[in-house]
Amino acid sequence: MEHKPDIQTLLSVFAIIREHGEQQSDQSYQLNGVTALSDLDGYHVVLKDDAVRLDINFHNTHQYQYEHRQQLERFVSRLETIAEQYG
């Protein structure tokens, strides 16, 4: 996959989900099938769905975890849709 959102877009989607999503726990919110969660200090945040997990760490390093490329494409599409609808 050549196109992945930049870190600024990813962090924006994280904030959108926390603002508009349904709270699942103290640090977890869900919107349109994507869950956003963070540790208590906010230095590590996660965006995930049922097949893909994206960890965003301090200094804006990030890593995707998935099994199939199609899963990643669907996940990125969900993130972009959230950014467009709420951003």
C-alpha atoms as a PDB file:
ATOM      1  CA  MET A   1       0.000   0.000   0.000  1.00  0.00           C
ATOM      2  CA  GLU A   2       1.498   3.276  -1.046  1.00  0.00           C
ATOM      3  CA  HIS A   3      -0.920   5.722   0.569  1.00  0.00           C
ATOM      4  CA  LYS A   4      -1.116   5.945   4.340  1.00  0.00           C
ATOM      5  CA  PRO A   5      -2.307   9.026   6.219  1.00  0.00           C
ATOM      6  CA  ASP A   6       0.399  11.272   7.665  1.00  0.00           C
ATOM      7  CA  ILE A   7       0.909  11.447  11.414  1.00  0.00           C
ATOM      8  CA  GLN A   8      -0.961  14.747  11.722  1.00  0.00           C
ATOM      9  CA  THR A   9      -4.047  13.224  10.082  1.00  0.00           C
ATOM     10  CA  LEU A  10      -3.792  10.144  12.298  1.00  0.00           C
ATOM     11  CA  LEU A  11      -3.650  12.263  15.450  1.00  0.00           C
ATOM     12  CA  SER A  12      -6.534  14.363  14.173  1.00  0.00           C
ATOM     13  CA  VAL A  13      -8.644  11.228  13.645  1.00  0.00           C
ATOM     14  CA  PHE A  14      -7.731  10.118  17.159  1.00  0.00           C
ATOM     15  CA  ALA A  15      -9.019  13.442  18.547  1.00  0.00           C
ATOM     16  CA  ILE A  16     -12.198  13.238  16.434  1.00  0.00           C
ATOM     17  CA  ILE A  17     -12.977   9.758  17.739  1.00  0.00           C
ATOM     18  CA  ARG A  18     -12.464  10.909  21.343  1.00  0.00           C
ATOM     19  CA  GLU A  19     -14.735  13.903  20.757  1.00  0.00           C
ATOM     20  CA  HIS A  20     -17.528  12.281  18.729  1.00  0.00           C
ATOM     21  CA  GLY A  21     -17.225   8.582  19.556  1.00  0.00           C
ATOM     22  CA  GLU A  22     -18.937   6.455  22.138  1.00  0.00           C
ATOM     23  CA  GLN A  23     -16.899   6.006  25.308  1.00  0.00           C
ATOM     24  CA  GLN A  24     -15.995   2.361  25.908  1.00  0.00           C
ATOM     25  CA  SER A  25     -13.840   2.863  29.030  1.00  0.00           C
ATOM     26  CA  ASP A  26     -11.835   5.620  30.721  1.00  0.00           C
ATOM     27  CA  GLN A  27      -9.329   5.858  27.869  1.00  0.00           C
ATOM     28  CA  SER A  28     -11.190   4.145  24.999  1.00  0.00           C
ATOM     29  CA  TYR A  29     -13.686   5.545  22.465  1.00  0.00           C
ATOM     30  CA  GLN A  30     -15.244   4.054  19.325  1.00  0.00           C
ATOM     31  CA  LEU A  31     -16.585   5.700  16.166  1.00  0.00           C
ATOM     32  CA  ASN A  32     -17.550   4.097  12.840  1.00  0.00           C
ATOM     33  CA  GLY A  33     -15.855   0.802  13.714  1.00  0.00           C
ATOM     34  CA  VAL A  34     -12.567   2.375  14.800  1.00  0.00           C
ATOM     35  CA  THR A  35     -11.447   2.392  18.427  1.00  0.00           C
ATOM     36  CA  ALA A  36      -9.132   5.078  19.812  1.00  0.00           C
ATOM     37  CA  LEU A  37      -7.379   4.496  23.101  1.00  0.00           C
ATOM     38  CA  SER A  38      -4.427   5.910  24.976  1.00  0.00           C
ATOM     39  CA  ASP A  39      -2.353   5.331  28.052  1.00  0.00           C
ATOM     40  CA  LEU A  40      -2.832   7.681  30.979  1.00  0.00           C
ATOM     41  CA  ASP A  41      -0.083  10.121  30.005  1.00  0.00           C
ATOM     42  CA  GLY A  42      -1.095  10.268  26.321  1.00  0.00           C
ATOM     43  CA  TYR A  43       2.378   9.414  25.037  1.00  0.00           C
ATOM     44  CA  HIS A  44       1.094   6.225  23.410  1.00  0.00           C
ATOM     45  CA  VAL A  45      -2.159   6.145  21.450  1.00  0.00           C
ATOM     46  CA  VAL A  46      -3.796   3.373  19.462  1.00  0.00           C
ATOM     47  CA  LEU A  47      -6.231   3.357  16.571  1.00  0.00           C
ATOM     48  CA  LYS A  48      -7.661  -0.055  15.747  1.00  0.00           C
ATOM     49  CA  ASP A  49     -10.507  -1.956  14.193  1.00  0.00           C
ATOM     50  CA  ASP A  50     -11.255  -5.676  14.133  1.00  0.00           C
ATOM     51  CA  ALA A  51      -8.244  -6.489  11.904  1.00  0.00           C
ATOM     52  CA  VAL A  52      -5.673  -3.680  12.123  1.00  0.00           C
ATOM     53  CA  ARG A  53      -3.890  -2.000  15.007  1.00  0.00           C
ATOM     54  CA  LEU A  54      -1.931   1.226  14.667  1.00  0.00           C
ATOM     55  CA  ASP A  55       0.315   2.256  17.559  1.00  0.00           C
ATOM     56  CA  ILE A  56       1.448   5.883  17.658  1.00  0.00           C
ATOM     57  CA  ASN A  57       4.238   6.580  20.113  1.00  0.00           C
ATOM     58  CA  PHE A  58       6.117   9.519  21.527  1.00  0.00           C
ATOM     59  CA  HIS A  59       8.043  11.471  18.853  1.00  0.00           C
ATOM     60  CA  ASN A  60       5.368  10.444  16.320  1.00  0.00           C
ATOM     61  CA  THR A  61       6.781   7.027  15.542  1.00  0.00           C
ATOM     62  CA  HIS A  62       4.090   4.599  14.497  1.00  0.00           C
ATOM     63  CA  GLN A  63       3.573   1.002  13.461  1.00  0.00           C
ATOM     64  CA  TYR A  64       0.720  -0.825  11.730  1.00  0.00           C
ATOM     65  CA  GLN A  65      -0.096  -4.436  12.615  1.00  0.00           C
ATOM     66  CA  TYR A  66      -2.226  -6.456  10.187  1.00  0.00           C
ATOM     67  CA  GLU A  67      -2.255  -9.772   8.368  1.00  0.00           C
ATOM     68  CA  HIS A  68      -3.525  -8.876   4.883  1.00  0.00           C
ATOM     69  CA  ARG A  69      -3.091  -5.795   2.745  1.00  0.00           C
ATOM     70  CA  GLN A  70      -6.852  -5.556   2.167  1.00  0.00           C
ATOM     71  CA  GLN A  71      -7.357  -5.174   5.916  1.00  0.00           C
ATOM     72  CA  LEU A  72      -4.996  -2.222   5.970  1.00  0.00           C
ATOM     73  CA  GLU A  73      -6.695  -0.642   2.959  1.00  0.00           C
ATOM     74  CA  ARG A  74     -10.110  -0.942   4.632  1.00  0.00           C
ATOM     75  CA  PHE A  75      -8.715   0.528   7.865  1.00  0.00           C
ATOM     76  CA  VAL A  76      -7.113   3.493   6.090  1.00  0.00           C
ATOM     77  CA  SER A  77     -10.381   4.078   4.239  1.00  0.00           C
ATOM     78  CA  ARG A  78     -12.243   4.169   7.558  1.00  0.00           C
ATOM     79  CA  LEU A  79      -9.774   6.692   8.966  1.00  0.00           C
ATOM     80  CA  GLU A  80     -10.056   8.895   5.896  1.00  0.00           C
ATOM     81  CA  THR A  81     -13.856   8.754   6.044  1.00  0.00           C
ATOM     82  CA  ILE A  82     -13.823   9.848   9.687  1.00  0.00           C
ATOM     83  CA  ALA A  83     -11.429  12.697   8.854  1.00  0.00           C
ATOM     84  CA  GLU A  84     -13.647  13.864   5.987  1.00  0.00           C
ATOM     85  CA  GLN A  85     -16.944  13.590   7.867  1.00  0.00           C
ATOM     86  CA  TYR A  86     -15.850  15.242  11.102  1.00  0.00           C
ATOM     87  CA  GLY A  87     -12.697  17.184  10.245  1.00  0.00           C
END
